[in-house]
Amino acid sequence: MAGDKSNPAADLPDNPVALQAFANDLNLNLPWIETLTITAKDPHNLTDPEDELKRELGFYNQALQAVKAAKPLVLQAGVPFGRPDDYFAEM
């Protein structure tokens, strides 16, 4: 309902054509190395939000999956990410 203070989005116009045009303007088709965007293939199946161990394990698995997907892309872009061979310890 317009003017409803509890829902500020209610005052915004619903214009799907303009929204799609704006979304198309945002699509810059940048190379991957400029965005570093990785999307998890598997959704995080959170059945019990109170089970912290399962929740954290799900986050860990998604992060691990993202790293495995990103490493070849970083190598392909020629960006160094490992420590040099002569790096022995923090000073």
PDB file of N, CA and C in Angstrom:
ATOM      1  N   MET A   1       0.839  -1.170   0.000  1.00  0.00           N
ATOM      2  CA  MET A   1       0.000   0.000   0.000  1.00  0.00           C
ATOM      3  C   MET A   1       0.884   1.233   0.000  1.00  0.00           C
ATOM      4  N   ALA A   2       0.598   2.186  -0.863  1.00  0.00           N
ATOM      5  CA  ALA A   2       1.400   3.395  -0.982  1.00  0.00           C
ATOM      6  C   ALA A   2       1.312   4.214   0.292  1.00  0.00           C
ATOM      7  N   GLY A   3       2.438   4.784   0.706  1.00  0.00           N
ATOM      8  CA  GLY A   3       2.477   5.599   1.900  1.00  0.00           C
ATOM      9  C   GLY A   3       2.653   4.801   3.172  1.00  0.00           C
ATOM     10  N   ASP A   4       2.765   3.507   3.078  1.00  0.00           N
ATOM     11  CA  ASP A   4       2.942   2.652   4.253  1.00  0.00           C
ATOM     12  C   ASP A   4       4.368   2.831   4.765  1.00  0.00           C
ATOM     13  N   LYS A   5       4.512   3.364   5.981  1.00  0.00           N
ATOM     14  CA  LYS A   5       5.834   3.647   6.546  1.00  0.00           C
ATOM     15  C   LYS A   5       6.599   2.371   6.896  1.00  0.00           C
ATOM     16  N   SER A   6       5.913   1.249   7.100  1.00  0.00           N
ATOM     17  CA  SER A   6       6.602   0.009   7.456  1.00  0.00           C
ATOM     18  C   SER A   6       7.211  -0.669   6.239  1.00  0.00           C
ATOM     19  N   ASN A   7       6.810  -0.270   5.035  1.00  0.00           N
ATOM     20  CA  ASN A   7       7.340  -0.870   3.818  1.00  0.00           C
ATOM     21  C   ASN A   7       7.724   0.241   2.839  1.00  0.00           C
ATOM     22  N   PRO A   8       8.974   0.752   2.938  1.00  0.00           N
ATOM     23  CA  PRO A   8       9.365   1.852   2.054  1.00  0.00           C
ATOM     24  C   PRO A   8       9.354   1.467   0.581  1.00  0.00           C
ATOM     25  N   ALA A   9       9.497   0.186   0.263  1.00  0.00           N
ATOM     26  CA  ALA A   9       9.481  -0.247  -1.137  1.00  0.00           C
ATOM     27  C   ALA A   9       8.108  -0.066  -1.766  1.00  0.00           C
ATOM     28  N   ALA A  10       7.079   0.077  -0.951  1.00  0.00           N
ATOM     29  CA  ALA A  10       5.724   0.236  -1.482  1.00  0.00           C
ATOM     30  C   ALA A  10       5.581   1.548  -2.251  1.00  0.00           C
ATOM     31  N   ASP A  11       6.406   2.551  -1.935  1.00  0.00           N
ATOM     32  CA  ASP A  11       6.332   3.840  -2.624  1.00  0.00           C
ATOM     33  C   ASP A  11       7.095   3.850  -3.949  1.00  0.00           C
ATOM     34  N   LEU A  12       7.881   2.815  -4.205  1.00  0.00           N
ATOM     35  CA  LEU A  12       8.654   2.772  -5.440  1.00  0.00           C
ATOM     36  C   LEU A  12       7.781   2.318  -6.599  1.00  0.00           C
ATOM     37  N   PRO A  13       7.977   2.899  -7.769  1.00  0.00           N
ATOM     38  CA  PRO A  13       7.175   2.474  -8.923  1.00  0.00           C
ATOM     39  C   PRO A  13       7.587   1.076  -9.384  1.00  0.00           C
ATOM     40  N   ASP A  14       6.627   0.340  -9.901  1.00  0.00           N
ATOM     41  CA  ASP A  14       6.880  -1.000 -10.423  1.00  0.00           C
ATOM     42  C   ASP A  14       7.016  -0.879 -11.933  1.00  0.00           C
ATOM     43  N   ASN A  15       8.257  -0.825 -12.404  1.00  0.00           N
ATOM     44  CA  ASN A  15       8.506  -0.632 -13.825  1.00  0.00           C
ATOM     45  C   ASN A  15       9.530  -1.668 -14.276  1.00  0.00           C
ATOM     46  N   PRO A  16       9.068  -2.880 -14.621  1.00  0.00           N
ATOM     47  CA  PRO A  16      10.020  -3.941 -14.980  1.00  0.00           C
ATOM     48  C   PRO A  16      10.857  -3.624 -16.215  1.00  0.00           C
ATOM     49  N   VAL A  17      10.331  -2.856 -17.154  1.00  0.00           N
ATOM     50  CA  VAL A  17      11.097  -2.508 -18.357  1.00  0.00           C
ATOM     51  C   VAL A  17      12.288  -1.627 -17.976  1.00  0.00           C
ATOM     52  N   ALA A  18      12.051  -0.633 -17.133  1.00  0.00           N
ATOM     53  CA  ALA A  18      13.137   0.250 -16.698  1.00  0.00           C
ATOM     54  C   ALA A  18      14.148  -0.510 -15.852  1.00  0.00           C
ATOM     55  N   LEU A  19      13.670  -1.401 -14.997  1.00  0.00           N
ATOM     56  CA  LEU A  19      14.581  -2.195 -14.176  1.00  0.00           C
ATOM     57  C   LEU A  19      15.468  -3.082 -15.045  1.00  0.00           C
ATOM     58  N   GLN A  20      14.899  -3.691 -16.073  1.00  0.00           N
ATOM     59  CA  GLN A  20      15.690  -4.540 -16.965  1.00  0.00           C
ATOM     60  C   GLN A  20      16.702  -3.708 -17.747  1.00  0.00           C
ATOM     61  N   ALA A  21      16.302  -2.524 -18.179  1.00  0.00           N
ATOM     62  CA  ALA A  21      17.229  -1.643 -18.899  1.00  0.00           C
ATOM     63  C   ALA A  21      18.388  -1.238 -17.993  1.00  0.00           C
ATOM     64  N   PHE A  22      18.090  -0.950 -16.736  1.00  0.00           N
ATOM     65  CA  PHE A  22      19.139  -0.589 -15.784  1.00  0.00           C
ATOM     66  C   PHE A  22      20.064  -1.777 -15.535  1.00  0.00           C
ATOM     67  N   ALA A  23      19.501  -2.970 -15.395  1.00  0.00           N
ATOM     68  CA  ALA A  23      20.313  -4.173 -15.192  1.00  0.00           C
ATOM     69  C   ALA A  23      21.216  -4.421 -16.396  1.00  0.00           C
ATOM     70  N   ASN A  24      20.707  -4.176 -17.591  1.00  0.00           N
ATOM     71  CA  ASN A  24      21.522  -4.339 -18.797  1.00  0.00           C
ATOM     72  C   ASN A  24      22.669  -3.331 -18.832  1.00  0.00           C
ATOM     73  N   ASP A  25      22.433  -2.120 -18.328  1.00  0.00           N
ATOM     74  CA  ASP A  25      23.497  -1.117 -18.265  1.00  0.00           C
ATOM     75  C   ASP A  25      24.604  -1.539 -17.307  1.00  0.00           C
ATOM     76  N   LEU A  26      24.244  -2.267 -16.253  1.00  0.00           N
ATOM     77  CA  LEU A  26      25.232  -2.712 -15.275  1.00  0.00           C
ATOM     78  C   LEU A  26      26.091  -3.855 -15.801  1.00  0.00           C
ATOM     79  N   ASN A  27      25.620  -4.577 -16.795  1.00  0.00           N
ATOM     80  CA  ASN A  27      26.343  -5.709 -17.352  1.00  0.00           C
ATOM     81  C   ASN A  27      27.453  -5.185 -18.260  1.00  0.00           C
ATOM     82  N   LEU A  28      28.678  -5.141 -17.730  1.00  0.00           N
ATOM     83  CA  LEU A  28      29.790  -4.553 -18.463  1.00  0.00           C
ATOM     84  C   LEU A  28      30.619  -5.583 -19.225  1.00  0.00           C
ATOM     85  N   ASN A  29      30.328  -6.862 -19.053  1.00  0.00           N
ATOM     86  CA  ASN A  29      31.088  -7.933 -19.703  1.00  0.00           C
ATOM     87  C   ASN A  29      32.589  -7.790 -19.458  1.00  0.00           C
ATOM     88  N   LEU A  30      32.948  -7.584 -18.198  1.00  0.00           N
ATOM     89  CA  LEU A  30      34.350  -7.478 -17.816  1.00  0.00           C
ATOM     90  C   LEU A  30      34.986  -8.856 -17.772  1.00  0.00           C
ATOM     91  N   PRO A  31      36.298  -8.932 -17.954  1.00  0.00           N
ATOM     92  CA  PRO A  31      36.965 -10.221 -17.783  1.00  0.00           C
ATOM     93  C   PRO A  31      36.847 -10.683 -16.332  1.00  0.00           C
ATOM     94  N   TRP A  32      36.924 -11.990 -16.136  1.00  0.00           N
ATOM     95  CA  TRP A  32      36.714 -12.552 -14.797  1.00  0.00           C
ATOM     96  C   TRP A  32      37.658 -11.947 -13.769  1.00  0.00           C
ATOM     97  N   ILE A  33      38.896 -11.709 -14.144  1.00  0.00           N
ATOM     98  CA  ILE A  33      39.889 -11.217 -13.186  1.00  0.00           C
ATOM     99  C   ILE A  33      39.517  -9.829 -12.653  1.00  0.00           C
ATOM    100  N   GLU A  34      38.668  -9.096 -13.349  1.00  0.00           N
ATOM    101  CA  GLU A  34      38.229  -7.777 -12.891  1.00  0.00           C
ATOM    102  C   GLU A  34      37.103  -7.865 -11.866  1.00  0.00           C
ATOM    103  N   THR A  35      36.403  -8.976 -11.819  1.00  0.00           N
ATOM    104  CA  THR A  35      35.280  -9.102 -10.890  1.00  0.00           C
ATOM    105  C   THR A  35      35.529 -10.128  -9.793  1.00  0.00           C
ATOM    106  N   LEU A  36      36.313 -11.171 -10.107  1.00  0.00           N
ATOM    107  CA  LEU A  36      36.592 -12.264  -9.170  1.00  0.00           C
ATOM    108  C   LEU A  36      35.305 -12.897  -8.642  1.00  0.00           C
ATOM    109  N   THR A  37      34.315 -13.003  -9.494  1.00  0.00           N
ATOM    110  CA  THR A  37      33.018 -13.534  -9.094  1.00  0.00           C
ATOM    111  C   THR A  37      32.987 -15.045  -9.255  1.00  0.00           C
ATOM    112  N   ILE A  38      32.650 -15.727  -8.173  1.00  0.00           N
ATOM    113  CA  ILE A  38      32.457 -17.178  -8.184  1.00  0.00           C
ATOM    114  C   ILE A  38      31.118 -17.443  -7.502  1.00  0.00           C
ATOM    115  N   THR A  39      30.284 -18.232  -8.137  1.00  0.00           N
ATOM    116  CA  THR A  39      28.996 -18.605  -7.558  1.00  0.00           C
ATOM    117  C   THR A  39      29.017 -20.090  -7.254  1.00  0.00           C
ATOM    118  N   ALA A  40      28.609 -20.440  -6.053  1.00  0.00           N
ATOM    119  CA  ALA A  40      28.595 -21.842  -5.644  1.00  0.00           C
ATOM    120  C   ALA A  40      27.615 -22.626  -6.508  1.00  0.00           C
ATOM    121  N   LYS A  41      28.031 -23.823  -6.899  1.00  0.00           N
ATOM    122  CA  LYS A  41      27.164 -24.671  -7.713  1.00  0.00           C
ATOM    123  C   LYS A  41      26.049 -25.281  -6.873  1.00  0.00           C
ATOM    124  N   ASP A  42      26.386 -25.659  -5.657  1.00  0.00           N
ATOM    125  CA  ASP A  42      25.406 -26.302  -4.781  1.00  0.00           C
ATOM    126  C   ASP A  42      24.886 -25.297  -3.763  1.00  0.00           C
ATOM    127  N   PRO A  43      23.573 -25.246  -3.561  1.00  0.00           N
ATOM    128  CA  PRO A  43      23.039 -24.331  -2.543  1.00  0.00           C
ATOM    129  C   PRO A  43      23.420 -24.802  -1.146  1.00  0.00           C
ATOM    130  N   HIS A  44      23.441 -23.872  -0.233  1.00  0.00           N
ATOM    131  CA  HIS A  44      23.744 -24.186   1.166  1.00  0.00           C
ATOM    132  C   HIS A  44      22.465 -24.724   1.792  1.00  0.00           C
ATOM    133  N   ASN A  45      22.388 -26.037   1.968  1.00  0.00           N
ATOM    134  CA  ASN A  45      21.183 -26.675   2.509  1.00  0.00           C
ATOM    135  C   ASN A  45      21.179 -26.562   4.024  1.00  0.00           C
ATOM    136  N   LEU A  46      20.634 -25.482   4.501  1.00  0.00           N
ATOM    137  CA  LEU A  46      20.577 -25.220   5.931  1.00  0.00           C
ATOM    138  C   LEU A  46      19.246 -25.720   6.466  1.00  0.00           C
ATOM    139  N   THR A  47      19.251 -26.928   7.031  1.00  0.00           N
ATOM    140  CA  THR A  47      18.007 -27.494   7.545  1.00  0.00           C
ATOM    141  C   THR A  47      17.728 -27.040   8.967  1.00  0.00           C
ATOM    142  N   ASP A  48      18.784 -26.902   9.770  1.00  0.00           N
ATOM    143  CA  ASP A  48      18.614 -26.471  11.155  1.00  0.00           C
ATOM    144  C   ASP A  48      19.577 -25.317  11.422  1.00  0.00           C
ATOM    145  N   PRO A  49      19.090 -24.079  11.424  1.00  0.00           N
ATOM    146  CA  PRO A  49      19.985 -22.939  11.618  1.00  0.00           C
ATOM    147  C   PRO A  49      20.646 -22.911  12.990  1.00  0.00           C
ATOM    148  N   GLU A  50      20.134 -23.685  13.929  1.00  0.00           N
ATOM    149  CA  GLU A  50      20.720 -23.726  15.268  1.00  0.00           C
ATOM    150  C   GLU A  50      21.919 -24.669  15.343  1.00  0.00           C
ATOM    151  N   ASP A  51      22.090 -25.541  14.358  1.00  0.00           N
ATOM    152  CA  ASP A  51      23.213 -26.476  14.349  1.00  0.00           C
ATOM    153  C   ASP A  51      24.426 -25.755  13.763  1.00  0.00           C
ATOM    154  N   GLU A  52      25.206 -25.129  14.641  1.00  0.00           N
ATOM    155  CA  GLU A  52      26.309 -24.288  14.188  1.00  0.00           C
ATOM    156  C   GLU A  52      27.386 -25.076  13.459  1.00  0.00           C
ATOM    157  N   LEU A  53      27.639 -26.299  13.873  1.00  0.00           N
ATOM    158  CA  LEU A  53      28.680 -27.093  13.227  1.00  0.00           C
ATOM    159  C   LEU A  53      28.325 -27.383  11.768  1.00  0.00           C
ATOM    160  N   LYS A  54      27.086 -27.799  11.522  1.00  0.00           N
ATOM    161  CA  LYS A  54      26.663 -28.072  10.141  1.00  0.00           C
ATOM    162  C   LYS A  54      26.630 -26.791   9.310  1.00  0.00           C
ATOM    163  N   ARG A  55      26.205 -25.695   9.932  1.00  0.00           N
ATOM    164  CA  ARG A  55      26.146 -24.423   9.217  1.00  0.00           C
ATOM    165  C   ARG A  55      27.552 -23.975   8.811  1.00  0.00           C
ATOM    166  N   GLU A  56      28.501 -24.026   9.740  1.00  0.00           N
ATOM    167  CA  GLU A  56      29.870 -23.622   9.439  1.00  0.00           C
ATOM    168  C   GLU A  56      30.526 -24.570   8.442  1.00  0.00           C
ATOM    169  N   LEU A  57      30.214 -25.861   8.535  1.00  0.00           N
ATOM    170  CA  LEU A  57      30.745 -26.827   7.577  1.00  0.00           C
ATOM    171  C   LEU A  57      30.216 -26.529   6.173  1.00  0.00           C
ATOM    172  N   GLY A  58      28.960 -26.112   6.083  1.00  0.00           N
ATOM    173  CA  GLY A  58      28.395 -25.728   4.793  1.00  0.00           C
ATOM    174  C   GLY A  58      29.107 -24.521   4.205  1.00  0.00           C
ATOM    175  N   PHE A  59      29.394 -23.512   5.044  1.00  0.00           N
ATOM    176  CA  PHE A  59      30.139 -22.340   4.579  1.00  0.00           C
ATOM    177  C   PHE A  59      31.541 -22.744   4.125  1.00  0.00           C
ATOM    178  N   TYR A  60      32.169 -23.611   4.903  1.00  0.00           N
ATOM    179  CA  TYR A  60      33.514 -24.081   4.562  1.00  0.00           C
ATOM    180  C   TYR A  60      33.504 -24.794   3.213  1.00  0.00           C
ATOM    181  N   ASN A  61      32.545 -25.680   3.017  1.00  0.00           N
ATOM    182  CA  ASN A  61      32.486 -26.439   1.764  1.00  0.00           C
ATOM    183  C   ASN A  61      32.227 -25.532   0.564  1.00  0.00           C
ATOM    184  N   GLN A  62      31.376 -24.519   0.740  1.00  0.00           N
ATOM    185  CA  GLN A  62      31.143 -23.574  -0.353  1.00  0.00           C
ATOM    186  C   GLN A  62      32.409 -22.779  -0.668  1.00  0.00           C
ATOM    187  N   ALA A  63      33.127 -22.363   0.373  1.00  0.00           N
ATOM    188  CA  ALA A  63      34.366 -21.615   0.153  1.00  0.00           C
ATOM    189  C   ALA A  63      35.411 -22.491  -0.531  1.00  0.00           C
ATOM    190  N   LEU A  64      35.513 -23.742  -0.110  1.00  0.00           N
ATOM    191  CA  LEU A  64      36.468 -24.663  -0.722  1.00  0.00           C
ATOM    192  C   LEU A  64      36.134 -24.894  -2.193  1.00  0.00           C
ATOM    193  N   GLN A  65      34.858 -25.055  -2.481  1.00  0.00           N
ATOM    194  CA  GLN A  65      34.416 -25.231  -3.871  1.00  0.00           C
ATOM    195  C   GLN A  65      34.768 -23.991  -4.703  1.00  0.00           C
ATOM    196  N   ALA A  66      34.601 -22.810  -4.122  1.00  0.00           N
ATOM    197  CA  ALA A  66      34.911 -21.571  -4.836  1.00  0.00           C
ATOM    198  C   ALA A  66      36.408 -21.453  -5.109  1.00  0.00           C
ATOM    199  N   VAL A  67      37.232 -21.836  -4.139  1.00  0.00           N
ATOM    200  CA  VAL A  67      38.679 -21.769  -4.332  1.00  0.00           C
ATOM    201  C   VAL A  67      39.112 -22.726  -5.434  1.00  0.00           C
ATOM    202  N   LYS A  68      38.543 -23.926  -5.430  1.00  0.00           N
ATOM    203  CA  LYS A  68      38.898 -24.905  -6.462  1.00  0.00           C
ATOM    204  C   LYS A  68      38.476 -24.423  -7.850  1.00  0.00           C
ATOM    205  N   ALA A  69      37.393 -23.677  -7.925  1.00  0.00           N
ATOM    206  CA  ALA A  69      36.943 -23.141  -9.215  1.00  0.00           C
ATOM    207  C   ALA A  69      37.772 -21.928  -9.629  1.00  0.00           C
ATOM    208  N   ALA A  70      38.221 -21.124  -8.660  1.00  0.00           N
ATOM    209  CA  ALA A  70      38.917 -19.880  -8.972  1.00  0.00           C
ATOM    210  C   ALA A  70      40.392 -20.079  -9.296  1.00  0.00           C
ATOM    211  N   LYS A  71      41.024 -21.081  -8.713  1.00  0.00           N
ATOM    212  CA  LYS A  71      42.470 -21.242  -8.906  1.00  0.00           C
ATOM    213  C   LYS A  71      42.856 -21.342 -10.382  1.00  0.00           C
ATOM    214  N   PRO A  72      42.194 -22.180 -11.194  1.00  0.00           N
ATOM    215  CA  PRO A  72      42.572 -22.219 -12.614  1.00  0.00           C
ATOM    216  C   PRO A  72      42.329 -20.892 -13.337  1.00  0.00           C
ATOM    217  N   LEU A  73      41.309 -20.153 -12.915  1.00  0.00           N
ATOM    218  CA  LEU A  73      41.025 -18.863 -13.550  1.00  0.00           C
ATOM    219  C   LEU A  73      42.109 -17.836 -13.224  1.00  0.00           C
ATOM    220  N   VAL A  74      42.606 -17.869 -11.986  1.00  0.00           N
ATOM    221  CA  VAL A  74      43.682 -16.958 -11.594  1.00  0.00           C
ATOM    222  C   VAL A  74      44.963 -17.315 -12.342  1.00  0.00           C
ATOM    223  N   LEU A  75      45.254 -18.618 -12.432  1.00  0.00           N
ATOM    224  CA  LEU A  75      46.441 -19.053 -13.173  1.00  0.00           C
ATOM    225  C   LEU A  75      46.338 -18.655 -14.644  1.00  0.00           C
ATOM    226  N   GLN A  76      45.158 -18.806 -15.215  1.00  0.00           N
ATOM    227  CA  GLN A  76      44.932 -18.443 -16.618  1.00  0.00           C
ATOM    228  C   GLN A  76      45.159 -16.947 -16.837  1.00  0.00           C
ATOM    229  N   ALA A  77      44.808 -16.139 -15.843  1.00  0.00           N
ATOM    230  CA  ALA A  77      44.984 -14.691 -15.956  1.00  0.00           C
ATOM    231  C   ALA A  77      46.433 -14.270 -15.716  1.00  0.00           C
ATOM    232  N   GLY A  78      47.267 -15.211 -15.258  1.00  0.00           N
ATOM    233  CA  GLY A  78      48.676 -14.898 -15.034  1.00  0.00           C
ATOM    234  C   GLY A  78      48.943 -14.092 -13.787  1.00  0.00           C
ATOM    235  N   VAL A  79      48.076 -14.189 -12.795  1.00  0.00           N
ATOM    236  CA  VAL A  79      48.250 -13.442 -11.561  1.00  0.00           C
ATOM    237  C   VAL A  79      48.960 -14.334 -10.542  1.00  0.00           C
ATOM    238  N   PRO A  80      50.119 -13.904 -10.030  1.00  0.00           N
ATOM    239  CA  PRO A  80      50.798 -14.720  -9.019  1.00  0.00           C
ATOM    240  C   PRO A  80      50.046 -14.654  -7.695  1.00  0.00           C
ATOM    241  N   PHE A  81      49.918 -15.781  -7.028  1.00  0.00           N
ATOM    242  CA  PHE A  81      49.216 -15.771  -5.744  1.00  0.00           C
ATOM    243  C   PHE A  81      49.933 -16.590  -4.683  1.00  0.00           C
ATOM    244  N   GLY A  82      50.994 -17.280  -5.039  1.00  0.00           N
ATOM    245  CA  GLY A  82      51.745 -18.068  -4.058  1.00  0.00           C
ATOM    246  C   GLY A  82      52.920 -17.273  -3.513  1.00  0.00           C
ATOM    247  N   ARG A  83      53.490 -17.778  -2.441  1.00  0.00           N
ATOM    248  CA  ARG A  83      54.675 -17.139  -1.885  1.00  0.00           C
ATOM    249  C   ARG A  83      55.880 -17.461  -2.760  1.00  0.00           C
ATOM    250  N   PRO A  84      56.842 -16.566  -2.816  1.00  0.00           N
ATOM    251  CA  PRO A  84      58.054 -16.851  -3.587  1.00  0.00           C
ATOM    252  C   PRO A  84      58.814 -18.030  -2.980  1.00  0.00           C
ATOM    253  N   ASP A  85      59.631 -18.690  -3.800  1.00  0.00           N
ATOM    254  CA  ASP A  85      60.384 -19.853  -3.327  1.00  0.00           C
ATOM    255  C   ASP A  85      61.366 -19.503  -2.219  1.00  0.00           C
ATOM    256  N   ASP A  86      61.836 -18.264  -2.190  1.00  0.00           N
ATOM    257  CA  ASP A  86      62.803 -17.881  -1.164  1.00  0.00           C
ATOM    258  C   ASP A  86      62.142 -17.237   0.059  1.00  0.00           C
ATOM    259  N   TYR A  87      60.857 -17.401   0.209  1.00  0.00           N
ATOM    260  CA  TYR A  87      60.128 -16.835   1.348  1.00  0.00           C
ATOM    261  C   TYR A  87      60.076 -17.895   2.438  1.00  0.00           C
ATOM    262  N   PHE A  88      60.728 -17.644   3.561  1.00  0.00           N
ATOM    263  CA  PHE A  88      60.818 -18.664   4.608  1.00  0.00           C
ATOM    264  C   PHE A  88      59.950 -18.361   5.822  1.00  0.00           C
ATOM    265  N   ALA A  89      59.844 -17.110   6.224  1.00  0.00           N
ATOM    266  CA  ALA A  89      59.070 -16.804   7.422  1.00  0.00           C
ATOM    267  C   ALA A  89      58.721 -15.322   7.453  1.00  0.00           C
ATOM    268  N   GLU A  90      57.686 -14.995   8.216  1.00  0.00           N
ATOM    269  CA  GLU A  90      57.337 -13.599   8.461  1.00  0.00           C
ATOM    270  C   GLU A  90      58.446 -12.961   9.282  1.00  0.00           C
ATOM    271  N   MET A  91      58.730 -11.722   9.041  1.00  0.00           N
ATOM    272  CA  MET A  91      59.752 -11.020   9.823  1.00  0.00           C
ATOM    273  C   MET A  91      59.094 -10.026  10.743  1.00  0.00           C
TER     274      MET A  91
END
